[in-house]
N, C-alpha and C. Protein backbone atom coordinates (compact mmCIF):
# COMPACT_ATOMS: atom_id res chain seq x y z
N MET A 1 112.10 -4.70 103.67
CA MET A 1 111.93 -4.16 102.79
C MET A 1 113.32 -4.94 101.91
N ASP A 2 113.15 -4.55 100.48
CA ASP A 2 114.25 -4.48 99.60
C ASP A 2 115.27 -3.47 99.39
N PHE A 3 116.17 -3.16 99.85
CA PHE A 3 116.99 -2.11 99.47
C PHE A 3 116.42 -1.17 98.28
N LYS A 4 116.33 -1.81 97.00
CA LYS A 4 115.84 -1.18 95.93
C LYS A 4 114.28 -0.38 96.72
N ASP A 5 113.58 -1.35 97.10
CA ASP A 5 111.81 -0.31 97.14
C ASP A 5 112.32 0.22 98.43
N VAL A 6 112.84 0.13 99.46
CA VAL A 6 113.16 1.47 100.25
C VAL A 6 113.78 2.32 99.68
N VAL A 7 114.66 2.54 98.68
CA VAL A 7 114.98 3.78 97.85
C VAL A 7 114.20 4.32 97.16
N LYS A 8 113.14 3.26 96.28
CA LYS A 8 112.43 4.08 95.45
C LYS A 8 111.02 4.58 96.24
N ASN A 9 110.72 4.19 97.87
CA ASN A 9 109.81 4.61 98.37
C ASN A 9 110.28 5.81 98.82
N ARG A 10 111.33 5.91 99.40
CA ARG A 10 111.54 7.34 99.76
C ARG A 10 111.14 8.62 99.29
N ARG A 11 110.24 9.32 100.34
CA ARG A 11 110.09 10.56 99.42
C ARG A 11 109.74 11.38 101.16
N GLU A 12 109.42 13.03 100.83
CA GLU A 12 109.49 13.57 101.73
C GLU A 12 107.99 13.67 102.24
N ILE A 13 108.14 13.31 103.44
CA ILE A 13 106.66 13.27 103.89
C ILE A 13 106.21 13.89 105.06
N THR A 14 105.29 15.24 105.01
CA THR A 14 105.03 16.05 105.76
C THR A 14 103.67 16.13 106.35
N LYS A 15 103.08 15.14 106.02
CA LYS A 15 101.57 15.08 106.70
C LYS A 15 101.81 13.52 107.40
N PHE A 16 101.59 13.48 108.72
CA PHE A 16 101.60 12.46 109.52
C PHE A 16 100.25 11.86 110.82
N THR A 17 100.12 10.71 110.55
CA THR A 17 99.20 10.47 111.45
C THR A 17 99.32 10.64 113.14
N ASN A 18 98.64 10.75 113.90
CA ASN A 18 99.23 10.90 115.52
C ASN A 18 99.06 9.49 115.97
N LYS A 19 99.52 8.63 115.30
CA LYS A 19 100.07 7.06 115.69
C LYS A 19 101.19 7.28 116.40
N ALA A 20 101.51 6.92 117.77
CA ALA A 20 102.80 6.80 117.89
C ALA A 20 103.81 6.01 117.67
N ILE A 21 105.23 6.35 117.26
CA ILE A 21 106.12 5.12 116.71
C ILE A 21 106.79 4.53 118.01
N PRO A 22 106.73 3.30 118.21
CA PRO A 22 107.27 2.39 119.03
C PRO A 22 108.53 2.71 119.35
N THR A 23 108.92 2.84 120.62
CA THR A 23 110.73 2.96 121.01
C THR A 23 111.50 1.82 120.41
N GLU A 24 110.79 0.50 120.00
CA GLU A 24 111.89 -0.20 119.48
C GLU A 24 111.87 0.32 117.84
N THR A 25 110.79 1.09 117.10
CA THR A 25 111.37 1.26 115.87
C THR A 25 112.41 2.30 115.95
N ILE A 26 111.96 3.18 116.89
CA ILE A 26 113.08 4.42 117.18
C ILE A 26 114.74 3.47 117.11
N GLU A 27 114.36 2.85 118.13
CA GLU A 27 115.73 2.38 118.31
C GLU A 27 116.39 1.62 117.09
N GLU A 28 115.70 1.08 116.33
CA GLU A 28 116.43 0.18 115.21
C GLU A 28 116.70 1.29 113.98
N ILE A 29 116.06 2.57 114.00
CA ILE A 29 116.73 3.58 113.04
C ILE A 29 117.90 4.20 113.93
N ILE A 30 118.06 4.11 115.20
CA ILE A 30 118.79 4.66 115.44
C ILE A 30 120.42 3.65 115.46
N GLN A 31 120.16 1.89 115.51
CA GLN A 31 120.72 1.15 115.46
C GLN A 31 121.54 1.75 114.00
N GLN A 32 120.76 1.75 112.80
CA GLN A 32 121.28 1.93 111.58
C GLN A 32 122.13 3.54 111.56
N VAL A 33 121.65 4.17 112.10
CA VAL A 33 122.51 5.19 111.84
C VAL A 33 123.99 5.07 112.59
N SER A 34 123.94 4.44 113.48
CA SER A 34 124.88 4.09 114.40
C SER A 34 125.98 3.40 113.29
N LEU A 35 125.50 2.72 112.41
CA LEU A 35 126.38 2.48 111.24
C LEU A 35 126.81 2.98 110.27
N SER A 36 126.49 4.07 110.47
CA SER A 36 126.72 5.18 109.06
C SER A 36 128.23 5.56 109.52
N PRO A 37 128.87 5.37 108.23
CA PRO A 37 130.21 5.86 107.92
C PRO A 37 130.93 7.22 108.31
N THR A 38 132.37 7.65 109.01
CA THR A 38 132.70 8.99 109.20
C THR A 38 134.00 8.67 108.69
N GLY A 39 134.28 10.02 108.30
CA GLY A 39 135.86 10.42 107.94
C GLY A 39 136.65 9.93 109.08
N ASN A 40 137.44 8.80 108.52
CA ASN A 40 138.61 8.56 109.99
C ASN A 40 137.94 7.68 111.31
N ASN A 41 136.56 7.72 110.60
CA ASN A 41 135.97 6.61 111.55
C ASN A 41 136.09 7.14 113.04
N LEU A 42 135.69 8.74 112.90
CA LEU A 42 135.87 9.54 114.54
C LEU A 42 134.41 9.89 114.47
N PRO A 43 134.01 10.08 115.86
CA PRO A 43 132.61 10.12 116.51
C PRO A 43 132.33 11.58 115.73
N SER A 44 131.83 12.36 114.68
CA SER A 44 131.59 13.66 114.52
C SER A 44 130.45 14.16 114.16
N ARG A 45 129.17 13.13 114.36
CA ARG A 45 128.21 13.49 114.60
C ARG A 45 127.34 12.69 115.59
N GLU A 46 126.19 13.42 116.27
CA GLU A 46 125.39 12.56 117.17
C GLU A 46 124.43 12.82 117.19
N PHE A 47 123.34 12.37 117.88
CA PHE A 47 121.57 12.09 117.53
C PHE A 47 120.84 12.87 118.96
N ILE A 48 120.06 13.73 118.91
CA ILE A 48 119.02 13.78 120.19
C ILE A 48 117.76 13.25 119.35
N ILE A 49 117.51 12.13 120.01
CA ILE A 49 115.76 11.63 119.63
C ILE A 49 114.59 12.45 120.47
N VAL A 50 113.77 13.03 119.73
CA VAL A 50 112.90 13.95 120.56
C VAL A 50 111.63 13.15 120.46
N LYS A 51 111.05 12.67 121.33
CA LYS A 51 109.34 12.48 121.17
C LYS A 51 108.56 13.52 121.86
N ASN A 52 108.68 14.17 122.69
CA ASN A 52 107.89 15.00 123.77
C ASN A 52 107.38 15.76 122.81
N ARG A 53 105.90 15.59 122.79
CA ARG A 53 105.27 16.61 121.73
C ARG A 53 105.35 18.17 122.43
N LYS A 54 105.57 18.62 123.37
CA LYS A 54 105.98 19.77 123.46
C LYS A 54 107.19 20.46 122.48
N THR A 55 107.98 19.71 122.98
CA THR A 55 109.15 19.94 122.65
C THR A 55 109.22 19.66 120.63
N LEU A 56 108.26 18.69 120.29
CA LEU A 56 108.35 18.90 119.01
C LEU A 56 107.24 20.31 118.56
N ASP A 57 106.67 20.32 119.16
CA ASP A 57 105.67 21.68 118.96
C ASP A 57 106.85 23.08 118.84
N TYR A 58 107.83 22.82 119.91
CA TYR A 58 108.53 24.27 119.90
C TYR A 58 109.69 24.48 118.93
N LEU A 59 110.31 23.33 118.49
CA LEU A 59 111.05 22.98 117.15
C LEU A 59 110.49 23.31 116.11
N SER A 60 108.97 23.11 116.00
CA SER A 60 108.60 23.35 114.61
C SER A 60 108.76 24.88 114.49
N LYS A 61 109.21 25.81 115.08
CA LYS A 61 109.32 27.10 114.85
C LYS A 61 110.85 27.25 114.50
N THR A 62 111.87 26.26 114.26
CA THR A 62 113.49 26.54 114.36
C THR A 62 113.65 27.56 113.13
N THR A 63 112.43 26.76 112.04
CA THR A 63 112.04 27.55 110.71
C THR A 63 110.57 28.15 110.64
N PRO A 64 110.72 28.73 109.02
CA PRO A 64 108.96 28.48 108.58
C PRO A 64 108.81 27.56 108.05
N TYR A 65 109.88 26.74 107.52
CA TYR A 65 109.58 25.58 107.00
C TYR A 65 109.48 24.14 107.32
N MET A 66 109.42 24.43 109.15
CA MET A 66 109.33 22.61 109.64
C MET A 66 108.12 22.79 110.62
N LYS A 67 107.07 23.59 110.20
CA LYS A 67 105.80 23.83 110.73
C LYS A 67 105.35 21.96 110.80
N TRP A 68 105.47 21.05 109.80
CA TRP A 68 105.36 19.54 110.12
C TRP A 68 105.39 19.03 111.02
N LEU A 69 106.42 19.34 112.13
CA LEU A 69 107.18 18.76 113.23
C LEU A 69 105.81 18.84 114.12
N LYS A 70 104.78 19.67 113.87
CA LYS A 70 103.54 19.83 115.26
C LYS A 70 102.83 18.26 114.87
N GLU A 71 103.01 18.08 113.30
CA GLU A 71 102.48 16.45 113.12
C GLU A 71 103.36 15.08 113.50
N ALA A 72 104.50 15.16 113.40
CA ALA A 72 105.39 14.62 113.49
C ALA A 72 105.46 13.48 114.82
N GLN A 73 105.70 12.53 114.86
CA GLN A 73 105.87 12.11 116.34
C GLN A 73 106.84 11.73 116.91
N GLY A 74 107.73 12.11 116.31
CA GLY A 74 109.34 12.12 116.58
C GLY A 74 110.00 12.59 115.91
N ALA A 75 111.12 12.73 116.24
CA ALA A 75 112.41 13.91 115.32
C ALA A 75 113.67 13.16 115.95
N ILE A 76 114.90 12.88 114.89
CA ILE A 76 116.01 12.99 115.40
C ILE A 76 116.72 13.92 114.77
N VAL A 77 117.44 15.18 115.72
CA VAL A 77 118.16 16.13 115.66
C VAL A 77 119.63 15.33 115.36
N ILE A 78 120.53 15.97 114.19
CA ILE A 78 121.95 15.57 113.65
C ILE A 78 122.44 16.94 114.29
N THR A 79 123.49 16.41 114.60
CA THR A 79 124.80 17.50 115.52
C THR A 79 126.00 16.94 114.81
N GLY A 80 126.61 17.98 114.40
CA GLY A 80 127.97 17.61 114.12
C GLY A 80 129.32 18.43 115.09
N CYS A 81 130.16 17.88 115.12
CA CYS A 81 131.30 17.84 116.00
C CYS A 81 132.14 18.40 115.24
N PRO A 82 132.49 20.15 114.64
CA PRO A 82 134.04 20.51 113.77
C PRO A 82 135.07 19.97 114.80
N ASN A 83 135.23 20.16 115.97
CA ASN A 83 136.55 20.04 116.75
C ASN A 83 137.15 18.89 116.54
N ILE A 84 135.87 17.82 116.16
CA ILE A 84 136.52 16.29 116.41
C ILE A 84 136.72 15.92 115.07
N SER A 85 136.20 16.29 113.89
CA SER A 85 136.37 15.81 112.43
C SER A 85 136.23 17.29 111.75
N LYS A 86 137.44 17.39 110.74
CA LYS A 86 136.87 18.36 109.62
C LYS A 86 135.97 17.99 108.48
N TYR A 87 135.51 16.68 108.76
CA TYR A 87 134.28 16.02 107.81
C TYR A 87 133.00 15.95 108.73
N TRP A 88 132.88 16.62 109.33
CA TRP A 88 131.61 16.49 110.38
C TRP A 88 130.42 16.79 109.56
N LEU A 89 130.56 17.69 108.82
CA LEU A 89 129.12 18.12 107.72
C LEU A 89 129.03 17.05 106.69
N GLN A 90 130.20 16.17 106.08
CA GLN A 90 129.81 15.25 105.32
C GLN A 90 129.18 13.83 105.88
N ASP A 91 129.53 14.01 107.38
CA ASP A 91 129.35 12.73 108.07
C ASP A 91 127.66 12.86 108.80
N ALA A 92 127.82 14.30 109.05
CA ALA A 92 126.36 13.92 109.54
C ALA A 92 125.29 14.15 108.39
N SER A 93 125.93 14.71 106.62
CA SER A 93 125.00 14.46 105.91
C SER A 93 124.82 12.94 105.75
N ILE A 94 125.83 12.16 105.63
CA ILE A 94 125.63 10.49 105.32
C ILE A 94 124.39 9.84 106.40
N ALA A 95 124.94 10.25 107.54
CA ALA A 95 123.86 9.69 108.77
C ALA A 95 122.61 10.46 108.13
N SER A 96 122.19 11.39 107.88
CA SER A 96 120.74 11.80 107.52
C SER A 96 119.97 10.61 106.64
N SER A 97 121.20 10.65 105.97
CA SER A 97 120.26 9.58 104.45
C SER A 97 119.75 8.37 105.06
N TYR A 98 120.96 7.77 106.21
CA TYR A 98 120.84 6.45 106.98
C TYR A 98 119.25 6.62 107.84
N ILE A 99 119.27 7.73 108.37
CA ILE A 99 118.00 7.65 108.96
C ILE A 99 116.94 7.66 108.04
N TRP A 100 116.92 8.32 107.10
CA TRP A 100 115.87 9.03 106.09
C TRP A 100 115.32 7.31 105.88
N LEU A 101 116.18 6.42 105.32
CA LEU A 101 116.20 5.08 104.55
C LEU A 101 115.56 4.11 105.48
N ALA A 102 116.33 4.62 106.79
CA ALA A 102 115.99 3.22 108.00
C ALA A 102 114.81 3.71 108.35
N ALA A 103 114.03 4.54 108.36
CA ALA A 103 112.62 4.96 108.69
C ALA A 103 111.63 4.50 107.82
N VAL A 104 112.07 4.86 106.44
CA VAL A 104 111.12 4.23 105.51
C VAL A 104 110.85 2.63 105.49
N ASN A 105 112.18 1.90 105.72
CA ASN A 105 112.45 0.38 105.67
C ASN A 105 111.53 -0.03 107.04
N GLU A 106 111.23 1.10 108.13
CA GLU A 106 110.10 0.82 109.31
C GLU A 106 109.07 0.82 109.25
N GLY A 107 108.60 1.25 108.18
CA GLY A 107 107.25 1.78 107.47
C GLY A 107 106.83 3.18 107.85
N LEU A 108 108.23 4.05 108.36
CA LEU A 108 107.96 5.31 108.56
C LEU A 108 108.26 6.60 107.70
N GLY A 109 107.21 7.87 107.82
CA GLY A 109 107.42 8.62 106.81
C GLY A 109 108.54 9.73 107.30
N CYS A 110 109.55 10.68 106.52
CA CYS A 110 110.23 11.17 107.20
C CYS A 110 110.43 12.84 106.31
N ALA A 111 110.42 14.03 106.95
CA ALA A 111 110.86 15.15 106.71
C ALA A 111 112.12 15.72 107.36
N PHE A 112 112.83 16.67 106.07
CA PHE A 112 114.10 16.70 106.41
C PHE A 112 113.97 18.41 106.45
N GLY A 113 114.35 18.74 107.86
CA GLY A 113 114.34 20.43 108.29
C GLY A 113 115.79 20.76 108.18
N ALA A 114 115.94 21.38 107.36
CA ALA A 114 117.66 21.89 107.26
C ALA A 114 117.67 23.25 108.18
N VAL A 115 118.79 22.93 109.07
CA VAL A 115 118.81 24.01 110.22
C VAL A 115 120.39 24.64 109.81
N PHE A 116 121.21 24.25 109.46
CA PHE A 116 122.38 24.60 108.85
C PHE A 116 122.40 24.81 107.58
N ASN A 117 122.83 26.41 107.36
CA ASN A 117 122.61 27.16 106.27
C ASN A 117 124.37 27.52 105.60
N ILE A 118 124.77 26.79 104.92
CA ILE A 118 125.98 27.22 104.24
C ILE A 118 126.47 28.91 103.67
N THR A 119 125.25 29.48 103.32
CA THR A 119 125.63 30.92 102.84
C THR A 119 124.76 31.78 104.02
N ASP A 120 124.18 31.22 104.76
CA ASP A 120 124.11 32.38 105.68
C ASP A 120 124.26 31.94 107.01
N GLU A 121 125.42 32.66 107.49
CA GLU A 121 126.17 32.21 108.94
C GLU A 121 124.76 32.83 109.64
N ALA A 122 124.42 34.12 109.85
CA ALA A 122 123.66 34.81 111.01
C ALA A 122 122.57 33.78 110.77
N GLU A 123 121.86 33.21 109.87
CA GLU A 123 120.35 32.75 109.96
C GLU A 123 120.94 31.33 110.91
N THR A 124 122.12 30.75 110.25
CA THR A 124 122.58 29.39 110.78
C THR A 124 122.69 29.47 112.21
N LEU A 125 123.16 30.68 112.85
CA LEU A 125 123.50 30.62 114.66
C LEU A 125 121.98 31.18 114.93
N GLN A 126 121.21 31.60 114.46
CA GLN A 126 119.56 31.92 114.92
C GLN A 126 119.34 30.68 115.45
N ARG A 127 119.14 29.91 114.30
CA ARG A 127 118.33 28.57 114.29
C ARG A 127 119.30 27.59 115.19
N GLU A 128 120.33 27.54 115.01
CA GLU A 128 121.01 26.89 116.01
C GLU A 128 120.62 27.55 117.19
N ASP A 129 121.16 28.42 117.83
CA ASP A 129 120.82 28.71 119.19
C ASP A 129 119.32 28.34 119.47
N TYR A 130 118.53 28.57 118.54
CA TYR A 130 116.94 28.05 119.17
C TYR A 130 116.79 26.56 119.45
N VAL A 131 117.77 25.65 118.85
CA VAL A 131 117.60 24.35 119.19
C VAL A 131 118.32 24.04 120.16
N LYS A 132 119.83 24.71 120.30
CA LYS A 132 120.47 24.39 121.36
C LYS A 132 120.12 24.85 122.76
N ASN A 133 119.20 25.61 122.88
CA ASN A 133 118.67 26.20 124.13
C ASN A 133 117.33 24.93 124.78
N ALA A 134 116.94 24.68 123.54
CA ALA A 134 116.01 23.33 124.06
C ALA A 134 116.39 22.43 124.22
N LEU A 135 117.27 21.91 123.82
CA LEU A 135 117.88 21.10 123.88
C LEU A 135 119.32 20.57 124.91
N SER A 136 119.22 21.86 125.32
CA SER A 136 120.81 21.72 126.08
C SER A 136 122.10 21.06 125.25
N ILE A 137 121.95 21.46 124.01
CA ILE A 137 123.14 21.23 123.17
C ILE A 137 124.20 22.16 123.57
N PRO A 138 125.65 21.27 123.69
CA PRO A 138 126.77 22.28 123.88
C PRO A 138 127.36 23.43 122.97
N SER A 139 127.72 24.21 122.94
CA SER A 139 128.15 25.44 122.24
C SER A 139 128.83 24.69 121.01
N ASP A 140 129.80 23.92 121.61
CA ASP A 140 130.84 23.53 120.00
C ASP A 140 129.65 22.74 119.03
N ARG A 141 129.02 22.46 119.11
CA ARG A 141 128.10 21.74 118.55
C ARG A 141 127.67 22.58 117.64
N LYS A 142 127.46 21.93 115.93
CA LYS A 142 126.63 22.39 114.99
C LYS A 142 125.67 21.73 115.09
N ILE A 143 124.68 22.47 114.50
CA ILE A 143 122.93 21.97 114.28
C ILE A 143 122.59 21.60 112.70
N VAL A 144 122.83 20.50 112.45
CA VAL A 144 122.82 20.04 111.04
C VAL A 144 121.30 20.09 110.77
N ALA A 145 120.52 19.65 111.31
CA ALA A 145 119.18 19.36 110.38
C ALA A 145 118.13 18.69 111.93
N ILE A 146 116.78 18.48 111.75
CA ILE A 146 116.07 17.98 112.52
C ILE A 146 115.35 17.20 111.54
N LEU A 147 114.91 15.93 111.62
CA LEU A 147 114.12 15.04 110.79
C LEU A 147 113.12 14.64 111.72
N GLY A 148 112.09 15.10 111.04
CA GLY A 148 110.87 14.53 111.70
C GLY A 148 110.39 13.24 111.20
N LEU A 149 109.67 12.14 112.07
CA LEU A 149 109.27 11.11 111.98
C LEU A 149 107.82 10.61 112.19
N GLY A 150 107.02 9.81 111.47
CA GLY A 150 105.54 9.41 111.88
C GLY A 150 105.13 8.56 111.00
N TYR A 151 104.01 7.92 111.27
CA TYR A 151 103.27 7.20 110.13
C TYR A 151 102.37 8.04 109.27
N ILE A 152 102.59 7.74 107.91
CA ILE A 152 102.26 8.77 106.83
C ILE A 152 100.62 8.90 106.86
N SER A 153 100.11 10.26 106.81
CA SER A 153 98.96 10.39 106.72
C SER A 153 98.37 10.45 105.57
N ASP A 154 99.06 11.60 104.41
CA ASP A 154 98.63 11.13 103.08
C ASP A 154 100.05 10.91 102.19
N GLN A 155 99.42 10.25 101.24
CA GLN A 155 100.77 9.69 100.74
C GLN A 155 101.10 10.62 99.23
N PRO A 156 101.99 11.15 99.46
CA PRO A 156 102.31 12.59 98.68
C PRO A 156 102.48 11.66 96.71
N ALA A 157 102.05 12.58 95.95
CA ALA A 157 101.97 12.11 94.31
C ALA A 157 103.55 11.90 94.31
N LYS A 158 103.34 11.16 93.12
CA LYS A 158 104.32 10.54 92.66
C LYS A 158 105.34 11.73 92.19
N LYS A 159 106.66 11.19 92.50
CA LYS A 159 107.51 12.64 92.46
C LYS A 159 107.91 12.42 90.63
N LYS A 160 108.35 13.49 90.19
CA LYS A 160 109.06 13.98 89.06
C LYS A 160 110.59 13.50 89.03
N VAL A 161 111.21 12.11 88.67
CA VAL A 161 112.57 11.96 88.87
C VAL A 161 113.21 12.70 87.61
N ILE A 162 114.19 13.32 88.03
CA ILE A 162 115.16 14.01 87.13
C ILE A 162 116.17 12.96 86.50
N PRO A 163 115.85 12.81 84.90
CA PRO A 163 116.21 11.79 84.12
C PRO A 163 118.35 11.47 84.64
N LYS A 164 118.22 10.28 84.55
CA LYS A 164 119.51 9.92 84.98
C LYS A 164 120.68 10.38 84.13
N GLU A 165 120.32 10.57 82.59
CA GLU A 165 121.08 11.26 81.49
C GLU A 165 121.22 12.44 82.26
N ASP A 166 120.58 13.34 82.73
CA ASP A 166 120.87 14.83 82.91
C ASP A 166 121.96 14.91 83.98
N ILE A 167 122.20 13.97 84.79
CA ILE A 167 122.79 14.07 85.74
C ILE A 167 123.92 13.13 86.20
N VAL A 168 124.18 12.08 85.07
CA VAL A 168 125.15 11.11 85.35
C VAL A 168 126.42 11.41 84.05
N HIS A 169 127.43 11.26 84.56
CA HIS A 169 128.12 11.21 83.69
C HIS A 169 129.38 10.66 83.58
N TYR A 170 129.99 9.85 82.67
CA TYR A 170 130.79 8.90 82.65
C TYR A 170 132.30 8.77 81.94
N GLU A 171 133.18 8.82 82.89
CA GLU A 171 134.81 9.00 82.63
C GLU A 171 135.13 10.68 82.61
N VAL A 172 134.16 11.72 82.26
CA VAL A 172 134.30 12.60 82.28
C VAL A 172 132.93 13.67 82.02
N PHE A 173 133.11 14.95 82.61
CA PHE A 173 132.03 15.76 82.72
C PHE A 173 131.58 15.79 81.36
N ASN A 174 130.22 15.92 80.81
CA ASN A 174 130.14 15.78 79.46
C ASN A 174 129.06 16.81 79.49
N GLN A 175 129.90 18.08 78.77
CA GLN A 175 128.72 19.19 78.54
C GLN A 175 127.45 19.20 77.80
N LYS A 176 126.67 19.32 77.95
CA LYS A 176 125.48 19.18 76.74
C LYS A 176 125.75 20.39 76.04
């Protein structure tokens, strides 16, 4: 798919079919995310691939907003490594975009489930512990997000796009 089409077609998908995702498709997504940049080229983010139905169902309870994982046929958990790089959050965030765009390119839908909450440390710790316990993730890792994957069941309505003029400034910040 042309990159412009991938970007235009990217939507949050929370309704999936029960069609299994081929291993080759997941591996292609992982190949693409492994190319995502990191600050100082340090391995500051890692990924856990989850396809087991019981585990996906369990992870759907990480937050009240991840119920769609019960329909997803796979997930990628993104972890950050603060002890490796001070840019771990940025690196993991960039990686999530690569996963999402690679999924669209492979004909899959994707949903983003935030685990890390910068404004509520207690909530973050509760969510992280829930995921870490299920997936044997070391205590020195931060859990940034869980991206659910699957074939699209219901195409969402066209998204209202914020006008470029409202979010882009040239040379200086233009207060309207």
